[in-house]
PDB file of all heavy atoms in Angstrom:
ATOM      1  N   ASN A   1      87.769 103.571 116.218  1.00  0.00           N
ATOM      2  CA  ASN A   1      87.091 102.276 116.170  1.00  0.00           C
ATOM      3  C   ASN A   1      87.853 101.240 115.345  1.00  0.00           C
ATOM      4  O   ASN A   1      87.530 100.052 115.395  1.00  0.00           O
ATOM      5  CB  ASN A   1      85.686 102.450 115.584  1.00  0.00           C
ATOM      6  CG  ASN A   1      84.791 103.279 116.482  1.00  0.00           C
ATOM      7  OD1 ASN A   1      84.486 102.881 117.594  1.00  0.00           O
ATOM      8  ND2 ASN A   1      84.386 104.455 116.012  1.00  0.00           N
ATOM      9  N   PHE A   2      88.837 101.688 114.576  1.00  0.00           N
ATOM     10  CA  PHE A   2      89.658 100.759 113.791  1.00  0.00           C
ATOM     11  C   PHE A   2      90.711 100.176 114.732  1.00  0.00           C
ATOM     12  O   PHE A   2      91.853 100.619 114.780  1.00  0.00           O
ATOM     13  CB  PHE A   2      90.325 101.514 112.637  1.00  0.00           C
ATOM     14  CG  PHE A   2      90.818 100.626 111.510  1.00  0.00           C
ATOM     15  CD1 PHE A   2      90.969 101.141 110.237  1.00  0.00           C
ATOM     16  CD2 PHE A   2      91.131  99.293 111.715  1.00  0.00           C
ATOM     17  CE1 PHE A   2      91.424 100.356 109.191  1.00  0.00           C
ATOM     18  CE2 PHE A   2      91.581  98.481 110.690  1.00  0.00           C
ATOM     19  CZ  PHE A   2      91.733  99.025 109.411  1.00  0.00           C
ATOM     20  N   ASN A   3      90.342  99.178 115.516  1.00  0.00           N
ATOM     21  CA  ASN A   3      91.198  98.659 116.577  1.00  0.00           C
ATOM     22  C   ASN A   3      91.495  97.173 116.449  1.00  0.00           C
ATOM     23  O   ASN A   3      91.918  96.530 117.404  1.00  0.00           O
ATOM     24  CB  ASN A   3      90.585  98.954 117.945  1.00  0.00           C
ATOM     25  CG  ASN A   3      89.152  98.462 118.061  1.00  0.00           C
ATOM     26  OD1 ASN A   3      88.673  97.692 117.222  1.00  0.00           O
ATOM     27  ND2 ASN A   3      88.452  98.919 119.078  1.00  0.00           N
ATOM     28  N   GLU A   4      91.270  96.598 115.264  1.00  0.00           N
ATOM     29  CA  GLU A   4      91.669  95.207 115.020  1.00  0.00           C
ATOM     30  C   GLU A   4      91.767  94.993 113.512  1.00  0.00           C
ATOM     31  O   GLU A   4      91.214  95.755 112.716  1.00  0.00           O
ATOM     32  CB  GLU A   4      90.659  94.234 115.626  1.00  0.00           C
ATOM     33  CG  GLU A   4      89.270  94.325 115.019  1.00  0.00           C
ATOM     34  CD  GLU A   4      88.411  93.129 115.398  1.00  0.00           C
ATOM     35  OE1 GLU A   4      88.951  92.000 115.408  1.00  0.00           O
ATOM     36  OE2 GLU A   4      87.215  93.320 115.677  1.00  0.00           O
ATOM     37  N   GLU A   5      92.481  93.946 113.130  1.00  0.00           N
ATOM     38  CA  GLU A   5      92.709  93.682 111.707  1.00  0.00           C
ATOM     39  C   GLU A   5      91.404  93.457 110.947  1.00  0.00           C
ATOM     40  O   GLU A   5      91.255  93.897 109.804  1.00  0.00           O
ATOM     41  CB  GLU A   5      93.627  92.461 111.545  1.00  0.00           C
ATOM     42  CG  GLU A   5      95.049  92.660 112.010  1.00  0.00           C
ATOM     43  CD  GLU A   5      95.242  92.451 113.502  1.00  0.00           C
ATOM     44  OE1 GLU A   5      94.226  92.278 114.228  1.00  0.00           O
ATOM     45  OE2 GLU A   5      96.394  92.459 113.946  1.00  0.00           O
ATOM     46  N   ASN A   6      90.463  92.762 111.571  1.00  0.00           N
ATOM     47  CA  ASN A   6      89.205  92.438 110.891  1.00  0.00           C
ATOM     48  C   ASN A   6      88.393  93.682 110.526  1.00  0.00           C
ATOM     49  O   ASN A   6      87.549  93.639 109.630  1.00  0.00           O
ATOM     50  CB  ASN A   6      88.355  91.515 111.769  1.00  0.00           C
ATOM     51  CG  ASN A   6      87.194  90.905 111.022  1.00  0.00           C
ATOM     52  OD1 ASN A   6      87.371  90.300 109.969  1.00  0.00           O
ATOM     53  ND2 ASN A   6      85.997  91.067 111.551  1.00  0.00           N
ATOM     54  N   ASP A   7      88.654  94.801 111.197  1.00  0.00           N
ATOM     55  CA  ASP A   7      87.931  96.026 110.879  1.00  0.00           C
ATOM     56  C   ASP A   7      88.231  96.506 109.459  1.00  0.00           C
ATOM     57  O   ASP A   7      87.407  97.177 108.837  1.00  0.00           O
ATOM     58  CB  ASP A   7      88.275  97.133 111.877  1.00  0.00           C
ATOM     59  CG  ASP A   7      87.670  96.870 113.249  1.00  0.00           C
ATOM     60  OD1 ASP A   7      86.791  96.003 113.351  1.00  0.00           O
ATOM     61  OD2 ASP A   7      88.085  97.531 114.216  1.00  0.00           O
ATOM     62  N   GLY A   8      89.419  96.176 108.945  1.00  0.00           N
ATOM     63  CA  GLY A   8      89.719  96.523 107.553  1.00  0.00           C
ATOM     64  C   GLY A   8      88.738  95.868 106.603  1.00  0.00           C
ATOM     65  O   GLY A   8      88.265  96.496 105.644  1.00  0.00           O
ATOM     66  N   ILE A   9      88.405  94.607 106.883  1.00  0.00           N
ATOM     67  CA  ILE A   9      87.420  93.902 106.063  1.00  0.00           C
ATOM     68  C   ILE A   9      86.052  94.566 106.181  1.00  0.00           C
ATOM     69  O   ILE A   9      85.350  94.764 105.178  1.00  0.00           O
ATOM     70  CB  ILE A   9      87.339  92.423 106.491  1.00  0.00           C
ATOM     71  CG1 ILE A   9      88.626  91.686 106.113  1.00  0.00           C
ATOM     72  CG2 ILE A   9      86.124  91.740 105.866  1.00  0.00           C
ATOM     73  CD1 ILE A   9      88.670  90.237 106.563  1.00  0.00           C
ATOM     74  N   VAL A  10      85.676  94.901 107.397  1.00  0.00           N
ATOM     75  CA  VAL A  10      84.356  95.500 107.622  1.00  0.00           C
ATOM     76  C   VAL A  10      84.234  96.834 106.887  1.00  0.00           C
ATOM     77  O   VAL A  10      83.257  97.074 106.179  1.00  0.00           O
ATOM     78  CB  VAL A  10      84.104  95.693 109.130  1.00  0.00           C
ATOM     79  CG1 VAL A  10      82.769  96.406 109.355  1.00  0.00           C
ATOM     80  CG2 VAL A  10      84.091  94.351 109.844  1.00  0.00           C
ATOM     81  N   TYR A  11      85.236  97.699 107.023  1.00  0.00           N
ATOM     82  CA  TYR A  11      85.143  99.034 106.441  1.00  0.00           C
ATOM     83  C   TYR A  11      85.254  99.002 104.911  1.00  0.00           C
ATOM     84  O   TYR A  11      84.463  99.641 104.210  1.00  0.00           O
ATOM     85  CB  TYR A  11      86.214  99.946 107.033  1.00  0.00           C
ATOM     86  CG  TYR A  11      86.051 100.185 108.516  1.00  0.00           C
ATOM     87  CD1 TYR A  11      87.151 100.270 109.362  1.00  0.00           C
ATOM     88  CD2 TYR A  11      84.792 100.299 109.092  1.00  0.00           C
ATOM     89  CE1 TYR A  11      87.001 100.480 110.729  1.00  0.00           C
ATOM     90  CE2 TYR A  11      84.623 100.497 110.448  1.00  0.00           C
ATOM     91  CZ  TYR A  11      85.735 100.594 111.262  1.00  0.00           C
ATOM     92  OH  TYR A  11      85.567 100.798 112.611  1.00  0.00           O
ATOM     93  N   ALA A  12      86.223  98.270 104.386  1.00  0.00           N
ATOM     94  CA  ALA A  12      86.363  98.197 102.922  1.00  0.00           C
ATOM     95  C   ALA A  12      85.193  97.441 102.303  1.00  0.00           C
ATOM     96  O   ALA A  12      84.703  97.802 101.227  1.00  0.00           O
ATOM     97  CB  ALA A  12      87.682  97.529 102.554  1.00  0.00           C
ATOM     98  N   GLY A  13      84.731  96.389 103.002  1.00  0.00           N
ATOM     99  CA  GLY A  13      83.570  95.664 102.499  1.00  0.00           C
ATOM    100  C   GLY A  13      82.323  96.527 102.487  1.00  0.00           C
ATOM    101  O   GLY A  13      81.542  96.501 101.531  1.00  0.00           O
ATOM    102  N   THR A  14      82.138  97.331 103.529  1.00  0.00           N
ATOM    103  CA  THR A  14      80.971  98.219 103.598  1.00  0.00           C
ATOM    104  C   THR A  14      81.031  99.285 102.514  1.00  0.00           C
ATOM    105  O   THR A  14      80.017  99.571 101.855  1.00  0.00           O
ATOM    106  CB  THR A  14      80.893  98.898 104.981  1.00  0.00           C
ATOM    107  OG1 THR A  14      80.779  97.885 105.992  1.00  0.00           O
ATOM    108  CG2 THR A  14      79.698  99.824 105.070  1.00  0.00           C
ATOM    109  N   ALA A  15      82.204  99.888 102.312  1.00  0.00           N
ATOM    110  CA  ALA A  15      82.354 100.893 101.256  1.00  0.00           C
ATOM    111  C   ALA A  15      82.055 100.292  99.889  1.00  0.00           C
ATOM    112  O   ALA A  15      81.377 100.907  99.051  1.00  0.00           O
ATOM    113  CB  ALA A  15      83.772 101.467 101.282  1.00  0.00           C
ATOM    114  N   SER A  16      82.530  99.077  99.655  1.00  0.00           N
ATOM    115  CA  SER A  16      82.301  98.405  98.373  1.00  0.00           C
ATOM    116  C   SER A  16      80.826  98.067  98.175  1.00  0.00           C
ATOM    117  O   SER A  16      80.286  98.197  97.071  1.00  0.00           O
ATOM    118  CB  SER A  16      83.143  97.129  98.300  1.00  0.00           C
ATOM    119  OG  SER A  16      84.520  97.422  98.396  1.00  0.00           O
ATOM    120  N   ILE A  17      80.168  97.639  99.247  1.00  0.00           N
ATOM    121  CA  ILE A  17      78.750  97.302  99.158  1.00  0.00           C
ATOM    122  C   ILE A  17      77.919  98.561  98.909  1.00  0.00           C
ATOM    123  O   ILE A  17      76.954  98.540  98.136  1.00  0.00           O
ATOM    124  CB  ILE A  17      78.296  96.570 100.432  1.00  0.00           C
ATOM    125  CG1 ILE A  17      78.901  95.164 100.449  1.00  0.00           C
ATOM    126  CG2 ILE A  17      76.776  96.501 100.526  1.00  0.00           C
ATOM    127  CD1 ILE A  17      78.722  94.427 101.749  1.00  0.00           C
ATOM    128  N   GLY A  18      78.282  99.673  99.551  1.00  0.00           N
ATOM    129  CA  GLY A  18      77.591 100.934  99.289  1.00  0.00           C
ATOM    130  C   GLY A  18      77.727 101.346  97.835  1.00  0.00           C
ATOM    131  O   GLY A  18      76.746 101.762  97.189  1.00  0.00           O
ATOM    132  N   PHE A  19      78.935 101.207  97.307  1.00  0.00           N
ATOM    133  CA  PHE A  19      79.183 101.515  95.892  1.00  0.00           C
ATOM    134  C   PHE A  19      78.344 100.602  95.001  1.00  0.00           C
ATOM    135  O   PHE A  19      77.688 101.058  94.059  1.00  0.00           O
ATOM    136  CB  PHE A  19      80.669 101.337  95.588  1.00  0.00           C
ATOM    137  CG  PHE A  19      81.085 101.818  94.236  1.00  0.00           C
ATOM    138  CD1 PHE A  19      81.664 103.078  94.074  1.00  0.00           C
ATOM    139  CD2 PHE A  19      80.909 101.029  93.107  1.00  0.00           C
ATOM    140  CE1 PHE A  19      82.046 103.525  92.829  1.00  0.00           C
ATOM    141  CE2 PHE A  19      81.295 101.463  91.847  1.00  0.00           C
ATOM    142  CZ  PHE A  19      81.867 102.723  91.696  1.00  0.00           C
ATOM    143  N   ALA A  20      78.363  99.292  95.301  1.00  0.00           N
ATOM    144  CA  ALA A  20      77.630  98.324  94.490  1.00  0.00           C
ATOM    145  C   ALA A  20      76.127  98.574  94.537  1.00  0.00           C
ATOM    146  O   ALA A  20      75.428  98.452  93.523  1.00  0.00           O
ATOM    147  CB  ALA A  20      77.945  96.909  94.972  1.00  0.00           C
ATOM    148  N   MET A  21      75.623  98.953  95.714  1.00  0.00           N
ATOM    149  CA  MET A  21      74.185  99.182  95.860  1.00  0.00           C
ATOM    150  C   MET A  21      73.734 100.368  95.012  1.00  0.00           C
ATOM    151  O   MET A  21      72.722 100.288  94.295  1.00  0.00           O
ATOM    152  CB  MET A  21      73.842  99.417  97.330  1.00  0.00           C
ATOM    153  CG  MET A  21      72.340  99.527  97.600  1.00  0.00           C
ATOM    154  SD  MET A  21      71.973  99.970  99.327  1.00  0.00           S
ATOM    155  CE  MET A  21      72.749  98.615 100.203  1.00  0.00           C
ATOM    156  N   ALA A  22      74.479 101.473  95.091  1.00  0.00           N
ATOM    157  CA  ALA A  22      74.110 102.656  94.303  1.00  0.00           C
ATOM    158  C   ALA A  22      74.199 102.362  92.810  1.00  0.00           C
ATOM    159  O   ALA A  22      73.309 102.723  92.029  1.00  0.00           O
ATOM    160  CB  ALA A  22      75.024 103.825  94.677  1.00  0.00           C
ATOM    161  N   GLU A  23      75.286 101.698  92.412  1.00  0.00           N
ATOM    162  CA  GLU A  23      75.455 101.349  91.000  1.00  0.00           C
ATOM    163  C   GLU A  23      74.345 100.411  90.544  1.00  0.00           C
ATOM    164  O   GLU A  23      73.812 100.527  89.433  1.00  0.00           O
ATOM    165  CB  GLU A  23      76.823 100.694  90.819  1.00  0.00           C
ATOM    166  CG  GLU A  23      77.211 100.448  89.365  1.00  0.00           C
ATOM    167  CD  GLU A  23      78.574  99.795  89.256  1.00  0.00           C
ATOM    168  OE1 GLU A  23      78.722  98.652  89.738  1.00  0.00           O
ATOM    169  OE2 GLU A  23      79.493 100.407  88.686  1.00  0.00           O
ATOM    170  N   ASN A  24      73.969  99.478  91.419  1.00  0.00           N
ATOM    171  CA  ASN A  24      72.923  98.519  91.088  1.00  0.00           C
ATOM    172  C   ASN A  24      71.584  99.210  90.845  1.00  0.00           C
ATOM    173  O   ASN A  24      70.861  98.894  89.890  1.00  0.00           O
ATOM    174  CB  ASN A  24      72.787  97.514  92.236  1.00  0.00           C
ATOM    175  CG  ASN A  24      72.253  96.174  91.784  1.00  0.00           C
ATOM    176  OD1 ASN A  24      72.514  95.760  90.668  1.00  0.00           O
ATOM    177  ND2 ASN A  24      71.520  95.506  92.643  1.00  0.00           N
ATOM    178  N   LEU A  25      71.237 100.155  91.716  1.00  0.00           N
ATOM    179  CA  LEU A  25      69.971 100.882  91.553  1.00  0.00           C
ATOM    180  C   LEU A  25      69.948 101.675  90.249  1.00  0.00           C
ATOM    181  O   LEU A  25      68.918 101.736  89.566  1.00  0.00           O
ATOM    182  CB  LEU A  25      69.759 101.818  92.743  1.00  0.00           C
ATOM    183  CG  LEU A  25      69.440 101.122  94.084  1.00  0.00           C
ATOM    184  CD1 LEU A  25      69.465 102.125  95.219  1.00  0.00           C
ATOM    185  CD2 LEU A  25      68.088 100.417  94.009  1.00  0.00           C
ATOM    186  N   LEU A  26      71.085 102.254  89.893  1.00  0.00           N
ATOM    187  CA  LEU A  26      71.157 103.009  88.632  1.00  0.00           C
ATOM    188  C   LEU A  26      70.968 102.086  87.434  1.00  0.00           C
ATOM    189  O   LEU A  26      70.230 102.413  86.492  1.00  0.00           O
ATOM    190  CB  LEU A  26      72.495 103.735  88.531  1.00  0.00           C
ATOM    191  CG  LEU A  26      72.713 104.893  89.511  1.00  0.00           C
ATOM    192  CD1 LEU A  26      74.143 105.421  89.413  1.00  0.00           C
ATOM    193  CD2 LEU A  26      71.722 106.017  89.233  1.00  0.00           C
ATOM    194  N   TYR A  27      71.603 100.924  87.462  1.00  0.00           N
ATOM    195  CA  TYR A  27      71.473  99.983  86.343  1.00  0.00           C
ATOM    196  C   TYR A  27      70.053  99.441  86.245  1.00  0.00           C
ATOM    197  O   TYR A  27      69.507  99.311  85.142  1.00  0.00           O
ATOM    198  CB  TYR A  27      72.455  98.822  86.521  1.00  0.00           C
ATOM    199  CG  TYR A  27      73.815  99.072  85.926  1.00  0.00           C
ATOM    200  CD1 TYR A  27      74.884  99.460  86.715  1.00  0.00           C
ATOM    201  CD2 TYR A  27      74.042  98.915  84.560  1.00  0.00           C
ATOM    202  CE1 TYR A  27      76.140  99.688  86.180  1.00  0.00           C
ATOM    203  CE2 TYR A  27      75.297  99.133  84.006  1.00  0.00           C
ATOM    204  CZ  TYR A  27      76.337  99.526  84.821  1.00  0.00           C
ATOM    205  OH  TYR A  27      77.574  99.753  84.276  1.00  0.00           O
ATOM    206  N   ILE A  28      69.459  99.116  87.390  1.00  0.00           N
ATOM    207  CA  ILE A  28      68.103  98.570  87.364  1.00  0.00           C
ATOM    208  C   ILE A  28      67.101  99.607  86.872  1.00  0.00           C
ATOM    209  O   ILE A  28      66.178  99.297  86.109  1.00  0.00           O
ATOM    210  CB  ILE A  28      67.716  98.058  88.773  1.00  0.00           C
ATOM    211  CG1 ILE A  28      68.532  96.820  89.113  1.00  0.00           C
ATOM    212  CG2 ILE A  28      66.234  97.737  88.846  1.00  0.00           C
ATOM    213  CD1 ILE A  28      68.318  96.312  90.512  1.00  0.00           C
ATOM    214  N   ALA A  29      67.279 100.860  87.301  1.00  0.00           N
ATOM    215  CA  ALA A  29      66.385 101.921  86.845  1.00  0.00           C
ATOM    216  C   ALA A  29      66.458 102.097  85.336  1.00  0.00           C
ATOM    217  O   ALA A  29      65.470 102.433  84.682  1.00  0.00           O
ATOM    218  CB  ALA A  29      66.736 103.229  87.556  1.00  0.00           C
ATOM    219  N   GLN A  30      67.641 101.846  84.788  1.00  0.00           N
ATOM    220  CA  GLN A  30      67.832 102.049  83.354  1.00  0.00           C
ATOM    221  C   GLN A  30      67.447 100.831  82.524  1.00  0.00           C
ATOM    222  O   GLN A  30      66.849 100.963  81.452  1.00  0.00           O
ATOM    223  CB  GLN A  30      69.294 102.411  83.079  1.00  0.00           C
ATOM    224  CG  GLN A  30      69.576 102.771  81.618  1.00  0.00           C
ATOM    225  CD  GLN A  30      71.008 103.239  81.423  1.00  0.00           C
ATOM    226  OE1 GLN A  30      71.796 103.310  82.371  1.00  0.00           O
ATOM    227  NE2 GLN A  30      71.370 103.563  80.193  1.00  0.00           N
ATOM    228  N   PHE A  31      67.768  99.619  83.030  1.00  0.00           N
ATOM    229  CA  PHE A  31      67.624  98.422  82.202  1.00  0.00           C
ATOM    230  C   PHE A  31      66.586  97.421  82.719  1.00  0.00           C
ATOM    231  O   PHE A  31      66.266  96.460  82.022  1.00  0.00           O
ATOM    232  CB  PHE A  31      68.980  97.708  82.080  1.00  0.00           C
ATOM    233  CG  PHE A  31      70.038  98.564  81.421  1.00  0.00           C
ATOM    234  CD1 PHE A  31      71.096  99.061  82.153  1.00  0.00           C
ATOM    235  CD2 PHE A  31      69.964  98.860  80.066  1.00  0.00           C
ATOM    236  CE1 PHE A  31      72.078  99.841  81.565  1.00  0.00           C
ATOM    237  CE2 PHE A  31      70.932  99.636  79.459  1.00  0.00           C
ATOM    238  CZ  PHE A  31      71.992 100.138  80.213  1.00  0.00           C
ATOM    239  N   GLY A  32      66.094  97.595  83.959  1.00  0.00           N
ATOM    240  CA  GLY A  32      65.000  96.757  84.407  1.00  0.00           C
ATOM    241  C   GLY A  32      65.377  95.578  85.290  1.00  0.00           C
ATOM    242  O   GLY A  32      66.519  95.421  85.722  1.00  0.00           O
ATOM    243  N   ILE A  33      64.358  94.739  85.538  1.00  0.00           N
ATOM    244  CA  ILE A  33      64.462  93.649  86.502  1.00  0.00           C
ATOM    245  C   ILE A  33      65.497  92.611  86.090  1.00  0.00           C
ATOM    246  O   ILE A  33      66.260  92.116  86.933  1.00  0.00           O
ATOM    247  CB  ILE A  33      63.093  92.970  86.680  1.00  0.00           C
ATOM    248  CG1 ILE A  33      62.123  93.932  87.382  1.00  0.00           C
ATOM    249  CG2 ILE A  33      63.211  91.678  87.474  1.00  0.00           C
ATOM    250  CD1 ILE A  33      60.719  93.403  87.500  1.00  0.00           C
ATOM    251  N   ALA A  34      65.547  92.271  84.807  1.00  0.00           N
ATOM    252  CA  ALA A  34      66.478  91.226  84.364  1.00  0.00           C
ATOM    253  C   ALA A  34      67.915  91.591  84.710  1.00  0.00           C
ATOM    254  O   ALA A  34      68.703  90.743  85.154  1.00  0.00           O
ATOM    255  CB  ALA A  34      66.326  90.996  82.862  1.00  0.00           C
ATOM    256  N   THR A  35      68.252  92.858  84.533  1.00  0.00           N
ATOM    257  CA  THR A  35      69.607  93.317  84.871  1.00  0.00           C
ATOM    258  C   THR A  35      69.853  93.191  86.371  1.00  0.00           C
ATOM    259  O   THR A  35      70.937  92.785  86.800  1.00  0.00           O
ATOM    260  CB  THR A  35      69.791  94.778  84.429  1.00  0.00           C
ATOM    261  OG1 THR A  35      69.674  94.851  83.006  1.00  0.00           O
ATOM    262  CG2 THR A  35      71.150  95.311  84.844  1.00  0.00           C
ATOM    263  N   GLY A  36      68.852  93.531  87.178  1.00  0.00           N
ATOM    264  CA  GLY A  36      68.996  93.409  88.616  1.00  0.00           C
ATOM    265  C   GLY A  36      69.223  91.974  89.052  1.00  0.00           C
ATOM    266  O   GLY A  36      70.040  91.701  89.942  1.00  0.00           O
ATOM    267  N   ILE A  37      68.507  91.041  88.435  1.00  0.00           N
ATOM    268  CA  ILE A  37      68.668  89.628  88.767  1.00  0.00           C
ATOM    269  C   ILE A  37      70.076  89.160  88.401  1.00  0.00           C
ATOM    270  O   ILE A  37      70.738  88.453  89.170  1.00  0.00           O
ATOM    271  CB  ILE A  37      67.606  88.788  88.040  1.00  0.00           C
ATOM    272  CG1 ILE A  37      66.213  89.136  88.560  1.00  0.00           C
ATOM    273  CG2 ILE A  37      67.893  87.301  88.196  1.00  0.00           C
ATOM    274  CD1 ILE A  37      65.085  88.501  87.775  1.00  0.00           C
ATOM    275  N   MET A  38      70.538  89.558  87.228  1.00  0.00           N
ATOM    276  CA  MET A  38      71.872  89.164  86.791  1.00  0.00           C
ATOM    277  C   MET A  38      72.943  89.720  87.717  1.00  0.00           C
ATOM    278  O   MET A  38      73.874  89.012  88.124  1.00  0.00           O
ATOM    279  CB  MET A  38      72.110  89.652  85.354  1.00  0.00           C
ATOM    280  CG  MET A  38      73.495  89.357  84.809  1.00  0.00           C
ATOM    281  SD  MET A  38      73.745  87.608  84.466  1.00  0.00           S
ATOM    282  CE  MET A  38      72.705  87.418  83.025  1.00  0.00           C
ATOM    283  N   ARG A  39      72.823  90.972  88.071  1.00  0.00           N
ATOM    284  CA  ARG A  39      73.832  91.612  88.912  1.00  0.00           C
ATOM    285  C   ARG A  39      73.831  91.064  90.337  1.00  0.00           C
ATOM    286  O   ARG A  39      74.853  91.104  91.030  1.00  0.00           O
ATOM    287  CB  ARG A  39      73.604  93.128  88.929  1.00  0.00           C
ATOM    288  CG  ARG A  39      73.966  93.823  87.626  1.00  0.00           C
ATOM    289  CD  ARG A  39      73.696  95.326  87.711  1.00  0.00           C
ATOM    290  NE  ARG A  39      74.464  95.939  88.784  1.00  0.00           N
ATOM    291  CZ  ARG A  39      75.741  96.325  88.680  1.00  0.00           C
ATOM    292  NH1 ARG A  39      76.383  96.162  87.536  1.00  0.00           N
ATOM    293  NH2 ARG A  39      76.355  96.886  89.696  1.00  0.00           N
ATOM    294  N   ALA A  40      72.677  90.548  90.784  1.00  0.00           N
ATOM    295  CA  ALA A  40      72.593  90.010  92.143  1.00  0.00           C
ATOM    296  C   ALA A  40      73.560  88.858  92.361  1.00  0.00           C
ATOM    297  O   ALA A  40      74.030  88.634  93.487  1.00  0.00           O
ATOM    298  CB  ALA A  40      71.167  89.558  92.440  1.00  0.00           C
ATOM    299  N   VAL A  41      73.867  88.105  91.309  1.00  0.00           N
ATOM    300  CA  VAL A  41      74.755  86.949  91.453  1.00  0.00           C
ATOM    301  C   VAL A  41      76.089  87.143  90.744  1.00  0.00           C
ATOM    302  O   VAL A  41      76.900  86.216  90.685  1.00  0.00           O
ATOM    303  CB  VAL A  41      74.068  85.667  90.925  1.00  0.00           C
ATOM    304  CG1 VAL A  41      72.887  85.302  91.793  1.00  0.00           C
ATOM    305  CG2 VAL A  41      73.628  85.840  89.475  1.00  0.00           C
ATOM    306  N   THR A  42      76.329  88.333  90.203  1.00  0.00           N
ATOM    307  CA  THR A  42      77.604  88.579  89.522  1.00  0.00           C
ATOM    308  C   THR A  42      78.279  89.841  90.060  1.00  0.00           C
ATOM    309  O   THR A  42      79.268  89.771  90.779  1.00  0.00           O
ATOM    310  CB  THR A  42      77.392  88.693  88.003  1.00  0.00           C
ATOM    311  OG1 THR A  42      76.393  89.700  87.725  1.00  0.00           O
ATOM    312  CG2 THR A  42      76.921  87.371  87.415  1.00  0.00           C
ATOM    313  N   ALA A  43      77.743  91.004  89.704  1.00  0.00           N
ATOM    314  CA  ALA A  43      78.401  92.264  90.058  1.00  0.00           C
ATOM    315  C   ALA A  43      78.402  92.532  91.564  1.00  0.00           C
ATOM    316  O   ALA A  43      79.383  93.071  92.095  1.00  0.00           O
ATOM    317  CB  ALA A  43      77.731  93.426  89.322  1.00  0.00           C
TER     318      ALA A  43
END
């Protein structure tokens, strides 16, 4: 399925978003809503 240049963006972007989502849930579980709000526009 990796048959065009733009697929590199899709796959690396998806992997990064998966990483960010899991990390985000861990931080929010530990530090609460304020941390989640901050990370939504930064991390």
